[in-house]
């Protein structure tokens, strides 16, 4: 513990420490860490630039830790290097490192594709993007493709995504591309890049939904309608164009009742049922069906007799 471990292929900037303890110590005394901006200038002064390099070196180390840990765990497991102190590999990971066997297994399944990508030299600046974007989440999303086809198939797919999307690649995007990759394209660079292009095009089409309705605008429209649709205005509309006005009123009542939970029953006249219009019809608005009583049935019968 405490010894620097050089992992072949991992990008290490000149002069940067490559050990976790060194990285932490390089940030300075814990009691003297800065708690606010040192200067008011937009550009960083030399002291701040040096501090940023040390901080980003520590953060960058985290990106490669899962790769080295997975590879090391596999060596310990396969060579049974734990046997002097522990009965099983599971006991070793839990007791020695407080890592569940499930997580240890995931790290082991992930390191090969991570190593292949970190050490790849595709050119065109892609390795720089890979070194800054590839993390455990991205690598884990590639594991199904690795285990079904090959590490190379996963490398082609990830590099195809990086080539098309640059630094905006996400773990969800990687997972979707893996699931969408045709069987015949896996392991073939050109076919994989074509499949990636098709997948991204489909995602772009799905990402153009109907614009969301502004609820504040709807409230203003309802308020305006409440002020505009008084009795005299509706009566004038009915006299001007009875058919269209009644149909509009019916549609409005149906919409408002559907969202307010009010049951609406339209009582159409004989002319309405024949012509499909609302002439002479009325709307019965209630919170729900009511049970009829002898009194109401008698009143209804009396009203019907009077109408006849």
Protein backbone atom coordinates (compact mmCIF):
# COMPACT_ATOMS: atom_id res chain seq x y z
CA UNK A 1 0.00 0.00 0.00
CA UNK A 2 1.30 3.43 -0.87
CA UNK A 3 3.45 2.28 -3.78
CA UNK A 4 2.93 3.88 -7.16
CA UNK A 5 1.37 1.49 -9.66
CA UNK A 6 1.94 2.22 -13.33
CA UNK A 7 -0.80 0.75 -15.49
CA UNK A 8 0.31 0.40 -19.08
CA UNK A 9 -1.67 2.52 -21.50
CA UNK A 10 -3.19 4.88 -18.94
CA UNK A 11 -2.58 8.47 -19.97
CA UNK A 12 -0.42 10.11 -17.33
CA UNK A 13 0.65 13.70 -17.92
CA UNK A 14 4.31 14.55 -17.44
CA UNK A 15 5.14 15.30 -13.84
CA UNK A 16 1.75 14.19 -12.52
CA UNK A 17 1.68 11.74 -9.62
CA UNK A 18 0.02 8.42 -10.41
CA UNK A 19 -0.66 7.12 -6.93
CA UNK A 20 -3.81 7.88 -4.93
CA UNK A 21 -1.91 8.82 -1.77
CA UNK A 22 0.43 11.08 -3.71
CA UNK A 23 -2.53 12.68 -5.46
CA UNK A 24 -4.25 13.47 -2.17
CA UNK A 25 -1.09 14.79 -0.54
CA UNK A 26 -0.34 16.97 -3.55
CA UNK A 27 -3.50 18.98 -2.80
CA UNK A 28 -1.90 20.28 0.39
CA UNK A 29 -2.65 20.31 4.10
CA UNK A 30 -6.32 19.54 4.75
CA UNK A 31 -6.52 22.39 7.25
CA UNK A 32 -5.22 24.89 4.70
CA UNK A 33 -7.32 24.05 1.65
CA UNK A 34 -8.84 27.13 -0.01
CA UNK A 35 -12.50 27.76 0.77
CA UNK A 36 -13.07 30.68 -1.57
CA UNK A 37 -11.82 32.26 -4.79
CA UNK A 38 -8.27 33.52 -4.39
CA UNK A 39 -8.48 36.45 -6.81
CA UNK A 40 -11.11 38.54 -8.58
CA UNK A 41 -9.53 38.15 -12.01
CA UNK A 42 -11.30 36.02 -14.68
CA UNK A 43 -8.00 34.31 -15.61
CA UNK A 44 -6.35 31.96 -13.12
CA UNK A 45 -3.13 33.11 -11.53
CA UNK A 46 -0.13 30.74 -11.44
CA UNK A 47 -1.02 29.43 -7.99
CA UNK A 48 -4.57 28.62 -9.11
CA UNK A 49 -3.39 26.97 -12.31
CA UNK A 50 -1.09 24.70 -10.34
CA UNK A 51 -3.91 23.89 -7.93
CA UNK A 52 -6.25 23.03 -10.81
CA UNK A 53 -3.70 20.63 -12.34
CA UNK A 54 -3.37 18.80 -9.03
CA UNK A 55 -7.15 18.62 -8.50
CA UNK A 56 -7.85 17.36 -11.99
CA UNK A 57 -5.09 14.77 -11.66
CA UNK A 58 -6.85 13.38 -8.60
CA UNK A 59 -10.23 13.40 -10.33
CA UNK A 60 -8.77 11.84 -13.48
CA UNK A 61 -7.32 8.99 -11.41
CA UNK A 62 -10.85 7.95 -10.49
CA UNK A 63 -11.69 7.35 -14.15
CA UNK A 64 -9.03 4.63 -14.51
CA UNK A 65 -9.39 3.09 -11.05
CA UNK A 66 -12.17 0.66 -12.07
CA UNK A 67 -10.05 -0.69 -14.93
CA UNK A 68 -7.01 -1.40 -12.73
CA UNK A 69 -9.16 -2.74 -9.89
CA UNK A 70 -11.06 -5.13 -12.15
CA UNK A 71 -7.88 -6.47 -13.69
CA UNK A 72 -6.24 -6.90 -10.28
CA UNK A 73 -9.29 -8.62 -8.82
CA UNK A 74 -9.30 -11.14 -11.65
CA UNK A 75 -5.64 -11.97 -11.03
CA UNK A 76 -6.27 -12.45 -7.31
CA UNK A 77 -9.30 -14.61 -8.03
CA UNK A 78 -7.88 -16.80 -10.79
CA UNK A 79 -4.48 -17.33 -9.14
CA UNK A 80 -6.15 -17.77 -5.73
CA UNK A 81 -3.79 -15.24 -4.20
CA UNK A 82 -6.22 -14.81 -1.31
CA UNK A 83 -5.81 -18.40 -0.05
CA UNK A 84 -3.22 -17.67 2.66
CA UNK A 85 -5.74 -15.67 4.71
CA UNK A 86 -9.19 -16.36 3.25
CA UNK A 87 -11.16 -19.44 2.30
CA UNK A 88 -12.94 -17.92 -0.69
CA UNK A 89 -12.56 -15.01 -3.09
CA UNK A 90 -15.93 -13.69 -1.93
CA UNK A 91 -14.71 -13.59 1.67
CA UNK A 92 -11.55 -11.83 0.51
CA UNK A 93 -13.37 -9.06 -1.37
CA UNK A 94 -15.86 -8.45 1.42
CA UNK A 95 -13.45 -8.60 4.34
CA UNK A 96 -10.36 -7.07 2.76
CA UNK A 97 -11.94 -4.42 0.56
CA UNK A 98 -15.58 -4.17 1.66
CA UNK A 99 -16.65 -4.98 -1.90
CA UNK A 100 -19.62 -7.24 -2.57
CA UNK A 101 -18.97 -10.29 -4.75
CA UNK A 102 -21.48 -8.87 -7.25
CA UNK A 103 -19.60 -5.61 -7.65
CA UNK A 104 -16.25 -7.38 -7.80
CA UNK A 105 -17.68 -9.54 -10.58
CA UNK A 106 -18.81 -6.48 -12.52
CA UNK A 107 -15.38 -4.87 -12.26
CA UNK A 108 -13.80 -8.08 -13.54
CA UNK A 109 -16.22 -8.29 -16.47
CA UNK A 110 -15.59 -4.64 -17.38
CA UNK A 111 -11.81 -4.19 -17.35
CA UNK A 112 -11.00 -5.85 -20.69
CA UNK A 113 -13.08 -3.49 -22.81
CA UNK A 114 -11.88 -0.52 -20.76
CA UNK A 115 -8.26 -1.48 -21.34
CA UNK A 116 -8.86 -2.00 -25.06
CA UNK A 117 -10.42 1.46 -25.39
CA UNK A 118 -7.92 3.29 -23.18
CA UNK A 119 -5.03 1.81 -25.16
CA UNK A 120 -6.65 2.18 -28.60
CA UNK A 121 -5.12 4.68 -31.01
CA UNK A 122 -7.93 5.46 -33.46
CA UNK A 123 -6.51 8.85 -34.43
CA UNK A 124 -8.42 11.99 -35.19
CA UNK A 125 -8.34 13.05 -31.55
CA UNK A 126 -10.76 10.26 -30.56
CA UNK A 127 -8.38 8.85 -27.95
CA UNK A 128 -8.50 12.17 -26.11
CA UNK A 129 -12.30 12.02 -25.92
CA UNK A 130 -12.20 8.37 -24.86
CA UNK A 131 -9.71 9.15 -22.08
CA UNK A 132 -11.98 11.88 -20.71
CA UNK A 133 -15.39 10.26 -21.26
CA UNK A 134 -14.97 6.53 -20.74
CA UNK A 135 -15.92 5.56 -17.21
CA UNK A 136 -17.35 2.55 -15.44
CA UNK A 137 -20.90 3.30 -16.60
CA UNK A 138 -19.92 3.43 -20.27
CA UNK A 139 -17.76 0.32 -20.01
CA UNK A 140 -20.45 -1.65 -18.18
CA UNK A 141 -22.97 -0.80 -20.90
CA UNK A 142 -20.58 -2.42 -23.41
CA UNK A 143 -20.24 -5.70 -21.46
CA UNK A 144 -23.25 -7.46 -23.08
CA UNK A 145 -21.69 -6.86 -26.51
CA UNK A 146 -18.29 -8.08 -25.29
CA UNK A 147 -19.72 -11.27 -23.85
CA UNK A 148 -21.96 -12.00 -26.82
CA UNK A 149 -19.47 -11.14 -29.55
CA UNK A 150 -16.03 -9.77 -28.67
CA UNK A 151 -14.06 -6.94 -27.12
CA UNK A 152 -13.29 -5.67 -30.61
CA UNK A 153 -16.99 -5.45 -31.45
CA UNK A 154 -17.48 -3.22 -28.39
CA UNK A 155 -14.47 -1.09 -29.32
CA UNK A 156 -15.84 -0.47 -32.82
CA UNK A 157 -19.23 0.52 -31.44
CA UNK A 158 -17.89 2.88 -28.78
CA UNK A 159 -15.46 4.56 -31.14
CA UNK A 160 -18.29 4.92 -33.67
CA UNK A 161 -20.39 6.69 -31.04
CA UNK A 162 -17.52 8.95 -30.01
CA UNK A 163 -16.79 9.75 -33.65
CA UNK A 164 -20.42 10.78 -34.21
CA UNK A 165 -21.28 12.38 -30.85
CA UNK A 166 -17.95 13.48 -29.43
CA UNK A 167 -17.95 14.27 -25.74
CA UNK A 168 -21.77 14.14 -25.53
CA UNK A 169 -21.78 10.33 -25.40
CA UNK A 170 -23.70 9.01 -22.37
CA UNK A 171 -24.05 5.59 -20.78
CA UNK A 172 -27.71 5.48 -21.84
CA UNK A 173 -26.70 6.20 -25.42
CA UNK A 174 -24.11 3.41 -25.31
CA UNK A 175 -26.64 0.95 -23.93
CA UNK A 176 -29.18 1.87 -26.61
CA UNK A 177 -26.62 1.49 -29.38
CA UNK A 178 -25.58 -1.94 -28.06
CA UNK A 179 -29.20 -3.10 -27.98
CA UNK A 180 -29.86 -1.76 -31.49
CA UNK A 181 -26.74 -3.21 -33.12
CA UNK A 182 -27.67 -5.86 -35.74
CA UNK A 183 -26.05 -9.27 -35.29
CA UNK A 184 -24.41 -9.14 -38.70
CA UNK A 185 -22.77 -5.78 -37.93
CA UNK A 186 -21.03 -6.83 -34.72
CA UNK A 187 -17.27 -7.04 -35.16
CA UNK A 188 -17.24 -5.20 -38.51
CA UNK A 189 -16.09 -1.60 -38.30
CA UNK A 190 -17.89 -0.18 -41.36
CA UNK A 191 -21.16 -2.00 -40.63
CA UNK A 192 -21.00 -0.98 -36.99
CA UNK A 193 -20.50 2.68 -37.89
CA UNK A 194 -23.48 2.49 -40.27
CA UNK A 195 -25.59 0.91 -37.53
CA UNK A 196 -24.53 3.61 -35.08
CA UNK A 197 -25.47 6.32 -37.58
CA UNK A 198 -28.91 4.75 -38.09
CA UNK A 199 -29.44 4.42 -34.34
CA UNK A 200 -28.53 8.05 -33.67
CA UNK A 201 -30.84 9.18 -36.48
CA UNK A 202 -33.72 7.28 -34.90
CA UNK A 203 -32.95 8.86 -31.54
CA UNK A 204 -32.99 12.31 -33.13
CA UNK A 205 -36.44 11.67 -34.60
CA UNK A 206 -37.78 10.42 -31.27
CA UNK A 207 -36.31 13.44 -29.49
CA UNK A 208 -38.61 15.84 -31.38
CA UNK A 209 -41.89 15.51 -29.48
CA UNK A 210 -44.90 17.79 -29.79
CA UNK A 211 -44.17 21.00 -27.90
CA UNK A 212 -45.55 20.90 -24.38
CA UNK A 213 -48.64 22.96 -23.66
CA UNK A 214 -47.97 25.95 -21.42
CA UNK A 215 -50.34 25.57 -18.42
CA UNK A 216 -50.11 29.29 -17.61
CA UNK A 217 -51.26 30.13 -21.14
CA UNK A 218 -54.18 27.70 -20.76
CA UNK A 219 -55.26 29.38 -17.51
CA UNK A 220 -55.22 32.78 -19.22
CA UNK A 221 -57.32 31.39 -22.09
CA UNK A 222 -59.88 29.94 -19.67
CA UNK A 223 -60.10 33.22 -17.78
CA UNK A 224 -60.65 35.10 -21.02
CA UNK A 225 -63.34 32.62 -22.08
CA UNK A 226 -65.15 33.02 -18.75
CA UNK A 227 -65.26 36.80 -19.26
CA UNK A 228 -66.28 36.58 -22.92
CA UNK A 229 -68.96 33.86 -22.84
CA UNK A 230 -71.72 35.62 -20.93
CA UNK A 231 -75.42 34.90 -21.56
CA UNK A 232 -75.96 37.72 -24.06
CA UNK A 233 -72.85 36.78 -26.08
CA UNK A 234 -73.88 33.12 -26.30
CA UNK A 235 -77.45 34.08 -27.25
CA UNK A 236 -76.14 36.30 -30.05
CA UNK A 237 -73.94 33.47 -31.32
CA UNK A 238 -76.88 31.04 -31.30
CA UNK A 239 -78.99 33.46 -33.30
CA UNK A 240 -76.20 34.12 -35.79
CA UNK A 241 -75.26 30.48 -36.49
CA UNK A 242 -77.33 28.01 -34.39
CA UNK A 243 -75.72 24.80 -35.67
CA UNK A 244 -72.07 25.79 -35.24
CA UNK A 245 -72.71 27.58 -31.95
CA UNK A 246 -74.50 24.58 -30.40
CA UNK A 247 -71.83 22.14 -31.58
CA UNK A 248 -69.11 24.39 -30.19
CA UNK A 249 -70.89 24.64 -26.84
CA UNK A 250 -71.31 20.86 -26.75
CA UNK A 251 -67.61 20.27 -27.47
CA UNK A 252 -66.59 22.77 -24.80
CA UNK A 253 -68.87 21.17 -22.21
CA UNK A 254 -67.51 17.71 -23.02
CA UNK A 255 -63.89 18.84 -22.64
CA UNK A 256 -64.48 20.70 -19.37
CA UNK A 257 -66.55 17.86 -17.91
CA UNK A 258 -63.92 15.25 -18.74
CA UNK A 259 -61.25 17.05 -16.70
CA UNK A 260 -63.52 18.14 -13.84
CA UNK A 261 -65.10 14.75 -13.18
CA UNK A 262 -68.64 16.01 -13.86
CA UNK A 263 -71.00 13.64 -15.68
CA UNK A 264 -72.78 15.28 -18.61
CA UNK A 265 -75.87 13.91 -20.36
CA UNK A 266 -77.17 15.72 -23.46
CA UNK A 267 -80.96 15.57 -23.80
CA UNK A 268 -81.61 15.96 -27.51
CA UNK A 269 -84.96 16.81 -29.05
CA UNK A 270 -86.60 14.70 -31.74
CA UNK A 271 -85.15 16.99 -34.42
CA UNK A 272 -81.68 16.61 -32.89
CA UNK A 273 -81.74 12.81 -33.03
CA UNK A 274 -82.74 12.86 -36.68
CA UNK A 275 -80.38 15.60 -37.85
CA UNK A 276 -77.55 15.09 -35.40
CA UNK A 277 -77.84 18.72 -34.17
CA UNK A 278 -78.54 20.19 -30.76
CA UNK A 279 -81.56 22.31 -31.66
CA UNK A 280 -83.85 22.33 -28.68
CA UNK A 281 -81.48 20.07 -26.67
CA UNK A 282 -80.18 20.71 -23.15
CA UNK A 283 -77.27 19.42 -21.11
CA UNK A 284 -77.73 17.83 -17.71
CA UNK A 285 -74.59 18.39 -15.57
CA UNK A 286 -74.25 16.45 -12.33
CA UNK A 287 -71.55 14.87 -10.21
CA UNK A 288 -72.91 11.42 -10.92
CA UNK A 289 -76.10 9.41 -11.48
CA UNK A 290 -78.85 10.00 -8.94
CA UNK A 291 -81.31 7.39 -7.75
CA UNK A 292 -84.90 8.30 -8.61
CA UNK A 293 -87.44 8.55 -5.82
CA UNK A 294 -91.21 8.18 -5.95
CA UNK A 295 -91.54 11.93 -5.57
CA UNK A 296 -89.25 12.73 -8.49
CA UNK A 297 -90.86 10.08 -10.67
CA UNK A 298 -94.28 11.58 -9.93
CA UNK A 299 -93.02 15.07 -10.73
CA UNK A 300 -91.52 13.86 -14.00
CA UNK A 301 -94.74 12.13 -14.95
CA UNK A 302 -96.74 15.28 -14.19
CA UNK A 303 -94.39 17.43 -16.24
CA UNK A 304 -94.64 15.00 -19.14
CA UNK A 305 -98.43 15.05 -19.00
CA UNK A 306 -98.49 18.84 -18.98
CA UNK A 307 -96.16 18.96 -21.96
CA UNK A 308 -98.42 16.57 -23.86
